[in-house]
Amino acid sequence: MADKGPREDTPLARIAAGLQEFYVAPYRRTFARARRDEDDLFMLLVFAETLGVPNPAACYTMELMPVMYERFHDWHRRMGMERSPLDHIGCC
């Protein structure tokens, strides 16, 4: 049975990979920034009740807090807080 698509070692496949990179490369930074912004918003939602902001979904987001503790230090530094705003998380 013959393959219908180009193999990876053919010149056509290398050209296709190069074109793919050419079209995707300018937007890589934009997509990374958008993803980081979404992650920051999600982190704020998870820790909202702990930070003193009323959170209607606190009972659901409380389950996610242990998973998010690992990334909390990077998040609060990125938000411009030198020290952890939470009393029970001493990451700095």
N, C-alpha and C. Protein backbone atom coordinates (compact mmCIF):
# COMPACT_ATOMS: atom_id res chain seq x y z
N MET A 1 0.83 -1.16 0.00
CA MET A 1 0.00 0.00 0.00
C MET A 1 0.89 1.25 0.00
N ALA A 2 0.65 2.18 -0.86
CA ALA A 2 1.48 3.37 -0.99
C ALA A 2 0.97 4.47 -0.07
N ASP A 3 1.91 5.23 0.46
CA ASP A 3 1.56 6.38 1.29
C ASP A 3 1.07 7.50 0.39
N LYS A 4 0.02 8.20 0.83
CA LYS A 4 -0.52 9.30 0.04
C LYS A 4 0.18 10.62 0.36
N GLY A 5 0.66 10.78 1.61
CA GLY A 5 1.30 12.02 2.02
C GLY A 5 2.80 11.98 1.79
N PRO A 6 3.46 13.16 1.82
CA PRO A 6 4.90 13.19 1.64
C PRO A 6 5.62 12.63 2.86
N ARG A 7 6.70 11.89 2.61
CA ARG A 7 7.50 11.36 3.72
C ARG A 7 8.37 12.47 4.27
N GLU A 8 8.87 12.26 5.48
CA GLU A 8 9.64 13.32 6.14
C GLU A 8 11.01 13.54 5.53
N ASP A 9 11.55 12.58 4.81
CA ASP A 9 12.88 12.75 4.26
C ASP A 9 12.87 13.25 2.81
N THR A 10 11.72 13.53 2.28
CA THR A 10 11.65 14.02 0.90
C THR A 10 11.81 15.54 0.88
N PRO A 11 12.26 16.09 -0.22
CA PRO A 11 12.39 17.55 -0.32
C PRO A 11 11.05 18.26 -0.17
N LEU A 12 9.99 17.64 -0.67
CA LEU A 12 8.66 18.26 -0.56
C LEU A 12 8.24 18.37 0.91
N ALA A 13 8.54 17.37 1.72
CA ALA A 13 8.20 17.41 3.14
C ALA A 13 9.01 18.48 3.86
N ARG A 14 10.27 18.64 3.50
CA ARG A 14 11.10 19.68 4.12
C ARG A 14 10.59 21.07 3.74
N ILE A 15 10.15 21.24 2.51
CA ILE A 15 9.59 22.53 2.09
C ILE A 15 8.29 22.80 2.83
N ALA A 16 7.45 21.77 2.97
CA ALA A 16 6.19 21.94 3.70
C ALA A 16 6.44 22.31 5.15
N ALA A 17 7.43 21.67 5.78
CA ALA A 17 7.77 22.00 7.17
C ALA A 17 8.31 23.42 7.27
N GLY A 18 9.10 23.85 6.31
CA GLY A 18 9.62 25.21 6.31
C GLY A 18 8.52 26.24 6.14
N LEU A 19 7.56 25.96 5.26
CA LEU A 19 6.44 26.87 5.08
C LEU A 19 5.56 26.93 6.33
N GLN A 20 5.37 25.79 6.95
CA GLN A 20 4.59 25.76 8.19
C GLN A 20 5.26 26.65 9.24
N GLU A 21 6.56 26.53 9.39
CA GLU A 21 7.29 27.35 10.35
C GLU A 21 7.23 28.83 9.96
N PHE A 22 7.30 29.13 8.68
CA PHE A 22 7.24 30.50 8.19
C PHE A 22 5.92 31.16 8.55
N TYR A 23 4.82 30.42 8.44
CA TYR A 23 3.51 30.99 8.73
C TYR A 23 3.20 31.03 10.23
N VAL A 24 3.73 30.13 11.01
CA VAL A 24 3.42 30.04 12.44
C VAL A 24 4.32 30.94 13.28
N ALA A 25 5.56 31.12 12.88
CA ALA A 25 6.55 31.82 13.70
C ALA A 25 6.13 33.22 14.14
N PRO A 26 5.54 34.08 13.29
CA PRO A 26 5.21 35.42 13.76
C PRO A 26 4.15 35.45 14.87
N TYR A 27 3.36 34.42 14.99
CA TYR A 27 2.27 34.41 15.96
C TYR A 27 2.60 33.62 17.22
N ARG A 28 3.75 33.01 17.29
CA ARG A 28 4.11 32.19 18.44
C ARG A 28 4.14 33.02 19.73
N ARG A 29 4.73 34.19 19.69
CA ARG A 29 4.80 35.05 20.87
C ARG A 29 3.41 35.54 21.27
N THR A 30 2.57 35.86 20.30
CA THR A 30 1.21 36.30 20.59
C THR A 30 0.41 35.20 21.27
N PHE A 31 0.52 33.98 20.76
CA PHE A 31 -0.20 32.86 21.38
C PHE A 31 0.33 32.57 22.78
N ALA A 32 1.63 32.69 22.98
CA ALA A 32 2.21 32.45 24.30
C ALA A 32 1.73 33.51 25.29
N ARG A 33 1.66 34.76 24.87
CA ARG A 33 1.18 35.83 25.74
C ARG A 33 -0.30 35.63 26.07
N ALA A 34 -1.11 35.24 25.09
CA ALA A 34 -2.53 35.00 25.34
C ALA A 34 -2.71 33.84 26.32
N ARG A 35 -1.93 32.80 26.16
CA ARG A 35 -2.03 31.67 27.08
C ARG A 35 -1.61 32.07 28.49
N ARG A 36 -0.56 32.87 28.61
CA ARG A 36 -0.12 33.33 29.92
C ARG A 36 -1.19 34.20 30.58
N ASP A 37 -1.85 35.06 29.80
CA ASP A 37 -2.92 35.89 30.34
C ASP A 37 -4.09 35.04 30.83
N GLU A 38 -4.43 34.01 30.07
CA GLU A 38 -5.50 33.11 30.50
C GLU A 38 -5.12 32.35 31.77
N ASP A 39 -3.86 31.92 31.85
CA ASP A 39 -3.40 31.23 33.05
C ASP A 39 -3.42 32.15 34.26
N ASP A 40 -3.05 33.43 34.06
CA ASP A 40 -3.09 34.39 35.16
C ASP A 40 -4.51 34.63 35.64
N LEU A 41 -5.44 34.73 34.72
CA LEU A 41 -6.84 34.92 35.10
C LEU A 41 -7.37 33.69 35.85
N PHE A 42 -6.99 32.51 35.40
CA PHE A 42 -7.41 31.30 36.08
C PHE A 42 -6.81 31.22 37.48
N MET A 43 -5.56 31.61 37.60
CA MET A 43 -4.91 31.61 38.91
C MET A 43 -5.62 32.59 39.84
N LEU A 44 -6.00 33.75 39.35
CA LEU A 44 -6.73 34.72 40.15
C LEU A 44 -8.08 34.15 40.57
N LEU A 45 -8.74 33.45 39.68
CA LEU A 45 -10.02 32.84 40.02
C LEU A 45 -9.86 31.78 41.10
N VAL A 46 -8.82 30.98 41.02
CA VAL A 46 -8.59 29.93 42.01
C VAL A 46 -8.27 30.54 43.38
N PHE A 47 -7.44 31.57 43.43
CA PHE A 47 -7.02 32.15 44.70
C PHE A 47 -7.84 33.38 45.10
N ALA A 48 -8.94 33.66 44.43
CA ALA A 48 -9.72 34.87 44.71
C ALA A 48 -10.23 34.89 46.14
N GLU A 49 -10.82 33.81 46.59
CA GLU A 49 -11.37 33.77 47.94
C GLU A 49 -10.26 33.96 48.98
N THR A 50 -9.10 33.40 48.73
CA THR A 50 -7.98 33.54 49.66
C THR A 50 -7.45 34.96 49.68
N LEU A 51 -7.55 35.66 48.56
CA LEU A 51 -7.08 37.05 48.47
C LEU A 51 -8.12 38.04 48.96
N GLY A 52 -9.32 37.58 49.34
CA GLY A 52 -10.35 38.47 49.87
C GLY A 52 -11.37 38.92 48.84
N VAL A 53 -11.34 38.37 47.67
CA VAL A 53 -12.31 38.71 46.63
C VAL A 53 -13.42 37.66 46.66
N PRO A 54 -14.68 38.07 46.74
CA PRO A 54 -15.75 37.07 46.76
C PRO A 54 -15.74 36.23 45.49
N ASN A 55 -15.84 34.94 45.67
CA ASN A 55 -15.78 34.01 44.55
C ASN A 55 -16.99 33.08 44.62
N PRO A 56 -17.90 33.17 43.67
CA PRO A 56 -19.08 32.30 43.72
C PRO A 56 -18.75 30.83 43.46
N ALA A 57 -17.61 30.55 42.89
CA ALA A 57 -17.23 29.17 42.59
C ALA A 57 -16.15 28.66 43.53
N ALA A 58 -16.11 29.20 44.75
CA ALA A 58 -15.03 28.86 45.68
C ALA A 58 -15.01 27.38 46.04
N CYS A 59 -16.17 26.76 46.13
CA CYS A 59 -16.18 25.35 46.52
C CYS A 59 -15.57 24.47 45.42
N TYR A 60 -15.61 24.92 44.19
CA TYR A 60 -15.01 24.15 43.09
C TYR A 60 -13.53 24.46 42.92
N THR A 61 -13.16 25.72 43.09
CA THR A 61 -11.77 26.09 42.88
C THR A 61 -10.88 25.71 44.05
N MET A 62 -11.46 25.48 45.22
CA MET A 62 -10.66 25.10 46.38
C MET A 62 -9.94 23.77 46.14
N GLU A 63 -10.54 22.90 45.36
CA GLU A 63 -9.91 21.62 45.06
C GLU A 63 -8.66 21.78 44.21
N LEU A 64 -8.56 22.88 43.47
CA LEU A 64 -7.43 23.11 42.58
C LEU A 64 -6.25 23.80 43.25
N MET A 65 -6.44 24.32 44.44
CA MET A 65 -5.38 25.08 45.09
C MET A 65 -4.09 24.29 45.30
N PRO A 66 -4.11 23.04 45.75
CA PRO A 66 -2.84 22.32 45.90
C PRO A 66 -2.08 22.17 44.59
N VAL A 67 -2.78 22.07 43.50
CA VAL A 67 -2.12 21.94 42.20
C VAL A 67 -1.49 23.27 41.78
N MET A 68 -2.13 24.37 42.15
CA MET A 68 -1.68 25.69 41.72
C MET A 68 -0.59 26.27 42.62
N TYR A 69 -0.36 25.71 43.81
CA TYR A 69 0.66 26.24 44.71
C TYR A 69 2.04 26.25 44.07
N GLU A 70 2.33 25.30 43.23
CA GLU A 70 3.65 25.23 42.60
C GLU A 70 3.92 26.43 41.70
N ARG A 71 2.89 26.94 41.05
CA ARG A 71 3.06 28.06 40.14
C ARG A 71 2.73 29.40 40.77
N PHE A 72 2.37 29.40 42.05
CA PHE A 72 1.93 30.63 42.71
C PHE A 72 3.04 31.67 42.79
N HIS A 73 4.27 31.26 43.08
CA HIS A 73 5.37 32.22 43.19
C HIS A 73 5.59 32.98 41.88
N ASP A 74 5.64 32.28 40.77
CA ASP A 74 5.83 32.95 39.47
C ASP A 74 4.67 33.89 39.19
N TRP A 75 3.48 33.48 39.58
CA TRP A 75 2.30 34.30 39.30
C TRP A 75 2.34 35.61 40.10
N HIS A 76 2.59 35.54 41.41
CA HIS A 76 2.54 36.78 42.18
C HIS A 76 3.71 37.70 41.84
N ARG A 77 4.85 37.16 41.41
CA ARG A 77 5.94 38.01 40.94
C ARG A 77 5.57 38.70 39.63
N ARG A 78 4.90 37.97 38.74
CA ARG A 78 4.47 38.54 37.47
C ARG A 78 3.40 39.62 37.66
N MET A 79 2.59 39.49 38.72
CA MET A 79 1.54 40.47 39.00
C MET A 79 2.08 41.70 39.74
N GLY A 80 3.37 41.71 40.06
CA GLY A 80 4.00 42.87 40.66
C GLY A 80 4.03 42.85 42.18
N MET A 81 3.72 41.72 42.79
CA MET A 81 3.77 41.61 44.25
C MET A 81 5.12 41.02 44.64
N GLU A 82 5.88 41.76 45.45
CA GLU A 82 7.21 41.28 45.82
C GLU A 82 7.14 40.10 46.77
N ARG A 83 6.21 40.13 47.70
CA ARG A 83 6.02 39.04 48.66
C ARG A 83 4.67 38.38 48.41
N SER A 84 4.54 37.19 48.90
CA SER A 84 3.28 36.46 48.76
C SER A 84 2.17 37.20 49.51
N PRO A 85 1.04 37.46 48.88
CA PRO A 85 -0.03 38.17 49.57
C PRO A 85 -0.79 37.25 50.54
N LEU A 86 -0.50 35.99 50.53
CA LEU A 86 -1.20 35.04 51.40
C LEU A 86 -0.35 34.73 52.62
N ASP A 87 -0.98 34.71 53.77
CA ASP A 87 -0.25 34.46 55.02
C ASP A 87 0.23 33.02 55.11
N HIS A 88 -0.54 32.09 54.62
CA HIS A 88 -0.21 30.68 54.79
C HIS A 88 0.67 30.12 53.67
N ILE A 89 1.02 30.93 52.68
CA ILE A 89 1.93 30.48 51.62
C ILE A 89 3.19 31.34 51.72
N GLY A 90 4.24 30.78 52.22
CA GLY A 90 5.49 31.50 52.36
C GLY A 90 6.48 31.08 51.28
N CYS A 91 6.29 31.55 50.08
CA CYS A 91 7.14 31.08 48.98
C CYS A 91 8.38 31.96 48.80
N CYS A 92 8.41 33.14 49.35
CA CYS A 92 9.54 34.04 49.14
C CYS A 92 10.43 34.12 50.37
